[in-house]
Amino acid sequence: MIYLTRLNGEKFMVNIDMIELMEETPDTVVTLNTGKKFVVRERIWQIREEIIRFRKRSFTNLKK
């Protein structure tokens, strides 16, 4: 899960596996696979970087 920020400044966490679509219109709209949409302050490239960091943290310490 990663933190995102609503336009009013409220922080919330979203399960990255639930993200279906992100678009900039010009605000960033994140659509979940449930159809629920969030308008957030972060740009798409910032969300992408957070997802990559989360995945690296999640899979780096796996035992072989």
PDB file of N, CA and C in Angstrom:
ATOM      1  N   MET A   1       0.836  -1.177   0.000  1.00  0.00           N
ATOM      2  CA  MET A   1       0.000   0.000   0.000  1.00  0.00           C
ATOM      3  C   MET A   1       0.882   1.242   0.000  1.00  0.00           C
ATOM      4  N   ILE A   2       0.401   2.264  -0.652  1.00  0.00           N
ATOM      5  CA  ILE A   2       1.136   3.535  -0.708  1.00  0.00           C
ATOM      6  C   ILE A   2       0.211   4.666  -0.259  1.00  0.00           C
ATOM      7  N   TYR A   3       0.832   5.750   0.204  1.00  0.00           N
ATOM      8  CA  TYR A   3       0.082   6.940   0.589  1.00  0.00           C
ATOM      9  C   TYR A   3      -0.157   7.824  -0.626  1.00  0.00           C
ATOM     10  N   LEU A   4      -1.366   8.356  -0.721  1.00  0.00           N
ATOM     11  CA  LEU A   4      -1.705   9.372  -1.706  1.00  0.00           C
ATOM     12  C   LEU A   4      -2.360  10.527  -0.965  1.00  0.00           C
ATOM     13  N   THR A   5      -2.470  11.678  -1.630  1.00  0.00           N
ATOM     14  CA  THR A   5      -3.016  12.875  -1.004  1.00  0.00           C
ATOM     15  C   THR A   5      -4.184  13.411  -1.823  1.00  0.00           C
ATOM     16  N   ARG A   6      -5.326  13.535  -1.179  1.00  0.00           N
ATOM     17  CA  ARG A   6      -6.484  14.145  -1.847  1.00  0.00           C
ATOM     18  C   ARG A   6      -6.204  15.623  -2.067  1.00  0.00           C
ATOM     19  N   LEU A   7      -6.974  16.274  -2.893  1.00  0.00           N
ATOM     20  CA  LEU A   7      -6.773  17.691  -3.181  1.00  0.00           C
ATOM     21  C   LEU A   7      -6.933  18.564  -1.936  1.00  0.00           C
ATOM     22  N   ASN A   8      -7.721  18.097  -0.948  1.00  0.00           N
ATOM     23  CA  ASN A   8      -7.907  18.862   0.287  1.00  0.00           C
ATOM     24  C   ASN A   8      -6.788  18.640   1.306  1.00  0.00           C
ATOM     25  N   GLY A   9      -5.771  17.845   0.940  1.00  0.00           N
ATOM     26  CA  GLY A   9      -4.626  17.598   1.807  1.00  0.00           C
ATOM     27  C   GLY A   9      -4.733  16.340   2.649  1.00  0.00           C
ATOM     28  N   GLU A  10      -5.871  15.667   2.621  1.00  0.00           N
ATOM     29  CA  GLU A  10      -6.067  14.451   3.398  1.00  0.00           C
ATOM     30  C   GLU A  10      -5.251  13.308   2.803  1.00  0.00           C
ATOM     31  N   LYS A  11      -4.460  12.648   3.659  1.00  0.00           N
ATOM     32  CA  LYS A  11      -3.662  11.491   3.236  1.00  0.00           C
ATOM     33  C   LYS A  11      -4.485  10.223   3.391  1.00  0.00           C
ATOM     34  N   PHE A  12      -4.308   9.297   2.472  1.00  0.00           N
ATOM     35  CA  PHE A  12      -4.935   7.984   2.585  1.00  0.00           C
ATOM     36  C   PHE A  12      -4.034   6.963   1.916  1.00  0.00           C
ATOM     37  N   MET A  13      -4.276   5.693   2.232  1.00  0.00           N
ATOM     38  CA  MET A  13      -3.481   4.621   1.645  1.00  0.00           C
ATOM     39  C   MET A  13      -4.330   3.871   0.631  1.00  0.00           C
ATOM     40  N   VAL A  14      -3.668   3.442  -0.419  1.00  0.00           N
ATOM     41  CA  VAL A  14      -4.356   2.664  -1.447  1.00  0.00           C
ATOM     42  C   VAL A  14      -3.555   1.390  -1.724  1.00  0.00           C
ATOM     43  N   ASN A  15      -4.276   0.316  -1.927  1.00  0.00           N
ATOM     44  CA  ASN A  15      -3.670  -0.963  -2.286  1.00  0.00           C
ATOM     45  C   ASN A  15      -3.287  -0.878  -3.758  1.00  0.00           C
ATOM     46  N   ILE A  16      -2.001  -0.954  -4.052  1.00  0.00           N
ATOM     47  CA  ILE A  16      -1.548  -0.768  -5.431  1.00  0.00           C
ATOM     48  C   ILE A  16      -2.044  -1.865  -6.368  1.00  0.00           C
ATOM     49  N   ASP A  17      -2.391  -3.020  -5.821  1.00  0.00           N
ATOM     50  CA  ASP A  17      -2.925  -4.096  -6.662  1.00  0.00           C
ATOM     51  C   ASP A  17      -4.344  -3.794  -7.126  1.00  0.00           C
ATOM     52  N   MET A  18      -4.977  -2.784  -6.524  1.00  0.00           N
ATOM     53  CA  MET A  18      -6.352  -2.410  -6.888  1.00  0.00           C
ATOM     54  C   MET A  18      -6.397  -1.316  -7.955  1.00  0.00           C
ATOM     55  N   ILE A  19      -5.236  -0.729  -8.271  1.00  0.00           N
ATOM     56  CA  ILE A  19      -5.219   0.357  -9.256  1.00  0.00           C
ATOM     57  C   ILE A  19      -5.388  -0.223 -10.661  1.00  0.00           C
ATOM     58  N   GLU A  20      -6.398   0.277 -11.355  1.00  0.00           N
ATOM     59  CA  GLU A  20      -6.641  -0.153 -12.733  1.00  0.00           C
ATOM     60  C   GLU A  20      -6.143   0.873 -13.735  1.00  0.00           C
ATOM     61  N   LEU A  21      -6.321   2.164 -13.401  1.00  0.00           N
ATOM     62  CA  LEU A  21      -6.034   3.215 -14.367  1.00  0.00           C
ATOM     63  C   LEU A  21      -5.635   4.491 -13.644  1.00  0.00           C
ATOM     64  N   MET A  22      -4.672   5.217 -14.229  1.00  0.00           N
ATOM     65  CA  MET A  22      -4.308   6.547 -13.741  1.00  0.00           C
ATOM     66  C   MET A  22      -4.285   7.465 -14.946  1.00  0.00           C
ATOM     67  N   GLU A  23      -4.850   8.666 -14.772  1.00  0.00           N
ATOM     68  CA  GLU A  23      -4.851   9.627 -15.871  1.00  0.00           C
ATOM     69  C   GLU A  23      -4.719  11.037 -15.311  1.00  0.00           C
ATOM     70  N   GLU A  24      -4.130  11.915 -16.107  1.00  0.00           N
ATOM     71  CA  GLU A  24      -3.992  13.323 -15.737  1.00  0.00           C
ATOM     72  C   GLU A  24      -4.919  14.132 -16.631  1.00  0.00           C
ATOM     73  N   THR A  25      -5.855  14.870 -15.994  1.00  0.00           N
ATOM     74  CA  THR A  25      -6.913  15.532 -16.763  1.00  0.00           C
ATOM     75  C   THR A  25      -7.172  16.989 -16.393  1.00  0.00           C
ATOM     76  N   PRO A  26      -6.397  17.902 -15.995  1.00  0.00           N
ATOM     77  CA  PRO A  26      -4.984  17.838 -15.648  1.00  0.00           C
ATOM     78  C   PRO A  26      -4.727  17.288 -14.248  1.00  0.00           C
ATOM     79  N   ASP A  27      -5.768  17.248 -13.371  1.00  0.00           N
ATOM     80  CA  ASP A  27      -5.562  16.607 -12.065  1.00  0.00           C
ATOM     81  C   ASP A  27      -5.374  15.109 -12.274  1.00  0.00           C
ATOM     82  N   THR A  28      -4.666  14.484 -11.357  1.00  0.00           N
ATOM     83  CA  THR A  28      -4.452  13.045 -11.457  1.00  0.00           C
ATOM     84  C   THR A  28      -5.661  12.322 -10.894  1.00  0.00           C
ATOM     85  N   VAL A  29      -6.222  11.443 -11.696  1.00  0.00           N
ATOM     86  CA  VAL A  29      -7.369  10.628 -11.289  1.00  0.00           C
ATOM     87  C   VAL A  29      -6.906   9.177 -11.253  1.00  0.00           C
ATOM     88  N   VAL A  30      -7.062   8.543 -10.085  1.00  0.00           N
ATOM     89  CA  VAL A  30      -6.711   7.133  -9.915  1.00  0.00           C
ATOM     90  C   VAL A  30      -8.018   6.352  -9.854  1.00  0.00           C
ATOM     91  N   THR A  31      -8.166   5.385 -10.749  1.00  0.00           N
ATOM     92  CA  THR A  31      -9.364   4.548 -10.777  1.00  0.00           C
ATOM     93  C   THR A  31      -8.989   3.150 -10.308  1.00  0.00           C
ATOM     94  N   LEU A  32      -9.748   2.644  -9.334  1.00  0.00           N
ATOM     95  CA  LEU A  32      -9.523   1.292  -8.840  1.00  0.00           C
ATOM     96  C   LEU A  32     -10.329   0.303  -9.676  1.00  0.00           C
ATOM     97  N   ASN A  33      -9.987  -0.969  -9.558  1.00  0.00           N
ATOM     98  CA  ASN A  33     -10.702  -1.972 -10.347  1.00  0.00           C
ATOM     99  C   ASN A  33     -12.135  -2.169  -9.858  1.00  0.00           C
ATOM    100  N   THR A  34     -12.513  -1.507  -8.777  1.00  0.00           N
ATOM    101  CA  THR A  34     -13.897  -1.529  -8.292  1.00  0.00           C
ATOM    102  C   THR A  34     -14.724  -0.432  -8.953  1.00  0.00           C
ATOM    103  N   GLY A  35     -14.055   0.472  -9.687  1.00  0.00           N
ATOM    104  CA  GLY A  35     -14.720   1.601 -10.314  1.00  0.00           C
ATOM    105  C   GLY A  35     -14.629   2.881  -9.497  1.00  0.00           C
ATOM    106  N   LYS A  36     -14.182   2.785  -8.249  1.00  0.00           N
ATOM    107  CA  LYS A  36     -14.046   3.961  -7.397  1.00  0.00           C
ATOM    108  C   LYS A  36     -12.896   4.822  -7.916  1.00  0.00           C
ATOM    109  N   LYS A  37     -13.101   6.145  -7.903  1.00  0.00           N
ATOM    110  CA  LYS A  37     -12.095   7.075  -8.418  1.00  0.00           C
ATOM    111  C   LYS A  37     -11.658   8.038  -7.327  1.00  0.00           C
ATOM    112  N   PHE A  38     -10.384   8.400  -7.358  1.00  0.00           N
ATOM    113  CA  PHE A  38      -9.810   9.368  -6.439  1.00  0.00           C
ATOM    114  C   PHE A  38      -9.071  10.426  -7.244  1.00  0.00           C
ATOM    115  N   VAL A  39      -9.266  11.692  -6.893  1.00  0.00           N
ATOM    116  CA  VAL A  39      -8.486  12.778  -7.477  1.00  0.00           C
ATOM    117  C   VAL A  39      -7.411  13.111  -6.456  1.00  0.00           C
ATOM    118  N   VAL A  40      -6.146  13.044  -6.882  1.00  0.00           N
ATOM    119  CA  VAL A  40      -5.033  13.195  -5.947  1.00  0.00           C
ATOM    120  C   VAL A  40      -4.056  14.264  -6.414  1.00  0.00           C
ATOM    121  N   ARG A  41      -3.236  14.736  -5.468  1.00  0.00           N
ATOM    122  CA  ARG A  41      -2.243  15.773  -5.757  1.00  0.00           C
ATOM    123  C   ARG A  41      -1.042  15.251  -6.524  1.00  0.00           C
ATOM    124  N   GLU A  42      -0.676  13.994  -6.276  1.00  0.00           N
ATOM    125  CA  GLU A  42       0.520  13.430  -6.889  1.00  0.00           C
ATOM    126  C   GLU A  42       0.352  13.296  -8.396  1.00  0.00           C
ATOM    127  N   ARG A  43       1.458  13.454  -9.100  1.00  0.00           N
ATOM    128  CA  ARG A  43       1.478  13.241 -10.547  1.00  0.00           C
ATOM    129  C   ARG A  43       1.637  11.743 -10.808  1.00  0.00           C
ATOM    130  N   ILE A  44       1.296  11.314 -12.009  1.00  0.00           N
ATOM    131  CA  ILE A  44       1.390   9.891 -12.340  1.00  0.00           C
ATOM    132  C   ILE A  44       2.813   9.368 -12.151  1.00  0.00           C
ATOM    133  N   TRP A  45       3.811  10.128 -12.576  1.00  0.00           N
ATOM    134  CA  TRP A  45       5.186   9.645 -12.454  1.00  0.00           C
ATOM    135  C   TRP A  45       5.577   9.471 -10.987  1.00  0.00           C
ATOM    136  N   GLN A  46       5.031  10.293 -10.085  1.00  0.00           N
ATOM    137  CA  GLN A  46       5.331  10.159  -8.657  1.00  0.00           C
ATOM    138  C   GLN A  46       4.695   8.885  -8.091  1.00  0.00           C
ATOM    139  N   ILE A  47       3.461   8.618  -8.498  1.00  0.00           N
ATOM    140  CA  ILE A  47       2.783   7.403  -8.040  1.00  0.00           C
ATOM    141  C   ILE A  47       3.519   6.175  -8.552  1.00  0.00           C
ATOM    142  N   ARG A  48       3.932   6.224  -9.803  1.00  0.00           N
ATOM    143  CA  ARG A  48       4.700   5.119 -10.392  1.00  0.00           C
ATOM    144  C   ARG A  48       5.969   4.845  -9.595  1.00  0.00           C
ATOM    145  N   GLU A  49       6.688   5.899  -9.239  1.00  0.00           N
ATOM    146  CA  GLU A  49       7.921   5.740  -8.458  1.00  0.00           C
ATOM    147  C   GLU A  49       7.630   5.142  -7.083  1.00  0.00           C
ATOM    148  N   GLU A  50       6.547   5.559  -6.449  1.00  0.00           N
ATOM    149  CA  GLU A  50       6.159   4.992  -5.149  1.00  0.00           C
ATOM    150  C   GLU A  50       5.830   3.508  -5.271  1.00  0.00           C
ATOM    151  N   ILE A  51       5.153   3.134  -6.341  1.00  0.00           N
ATOM    152  CA  ILE A  51       4.826   1.723  -6.566  1.00  0.00           C
ATOM    153  C   ILE A  51       6.099   0.910  -6.747  1.00  0.00           C
ATOM    154  N   ILE A  52       7.045   1.431  -7.515  1.00  0.00           N
ATOM    155  CA  ILE A  52       8.318   0.731  -7.720  1.00  0.00           C
ATOM    156  C   ILE A  52       9.052   0.569  -6.391  1.00  0.00           C
ATOM    157  N   ARG A  53       9.120   1.635  -5.586  1.00  0.00           N
ATOM    158  CA  ARG A  53       9.787   1.552  -4.273  1.00  0.00           C
ATOM    159  C   ARG A  53       9.106   0.514  -3.382  1.00  0.00           C
ATOM    160  N   PHE A  54       7.774   0.511  -3.379  1.00  0.00           N
ATOM    161  CA  PHE A  54       7.034  -0.452  -2.571  1.00  0.00           C
ATOM    162  C   PHE A  54       7.352  -1.878  -3.003  1.00  0.00           C
ATOM    163  N   ARG A  55       7.322  -2.125  -4.307  1.00  0.00           N
ATOM    164  CA  ARG A  55       7.608  -3.471  -4.813  1.00  0.00           C
ATOM    165  C   ARG A  55       9.039  -3.907  -4.475  1.00  0.00           C
ATOM    166  N   LYS A  56       9.990  -2.993  -4.591  1.00  0.00           N
ATOM    167  CA  LYS A  56      11.379  -3.328  -4.258  1.00  0.00           C
ATOM    168  C   LYS A  56      11.504  -3.696  -2.787  1.00  0.00           C
ATOM    169  N   ARG A  57      10.850  -2.920  -1.904  1.00  0.00           N
ATOM    170  CA  ARG A  57      10.888  -3.227  -0.467  1.00  0.00           C
ATOM    171  C   ARG A  57      10.219  -4.557  -0.179  1.00  0.00           C
ATOM    172  N   SER A  58       9.147  -4.855  -0.891  1.00  0.00           N
ATOM    173  CA  SER A  58       8.385  -6.073  -0.636  1.00  0.00           C
ATOM    174  C   SER A  58       9.128  -7.325  -1.063  1.00  0.00           C
ATOM    175  N   PHE A  59       9.869  -7.252  -2.168  1.00  0.00           N
ATOM    176  CA  PHE A  59      10.469  -8.450  -2.724  1.00  0.00           C
ATOM    177  C   PHE A  59      11.969  -8.578  -2.501  1.00  0.00           C
ATOM    178  N   THR A  60      12.626  -7.572  -1.962  1.00  0.00           N
ATOM    179  CA  THR A  60      14.067  -7.605  -1.778  1.00  0.00           C
ATOM    180  C   THR A  60      14.478  -8.590  -0.693  1.00  0.00           C
ATOM    181  N   ASN A  61      13.677  -8.716   0.344  1.00  0.00           N
ATOM    182  CA  ASN A  61      14.078  -9.536   1.501  1.00  0.00           C
ATOM    183  C   ASN A  61      13.508 -10.941   1.495  1.00  0.00           C
ATOM    184  N   LEU A  62      13.044 -11.403   0.349  1.00  0.00           N
ATOM    185  CA  LEU A  62      12.524 -12.767   0.288  1.00  0.00           C
ATOM    186  C   LEU A  62      13.666 -13.771   0.404  1.00  0.00           C
ATOM    187  N   LYS A  63      13.403 -14.848   1.139  1.00  0.00           N
ATOM    188  CA  LYS A  63      14.412 -15.910   1.256  1.00  0.00           C
ATOM    189  C   LYS A  63      14.370 -16.772   0.015  1.00  0.00           C
ATOM    190  N   LYS A  64      15.531 -17.276  -0.377  1.00  0.00           N
ATOM    191  CA  LYS A  64      15.620 -18.122  -1.571  1.00  0.00           C
ATOM    192  C   LYS A  64      15.446 -19.561  -1.227  1.00  0.00           C
TER     193      LYS A  64
END
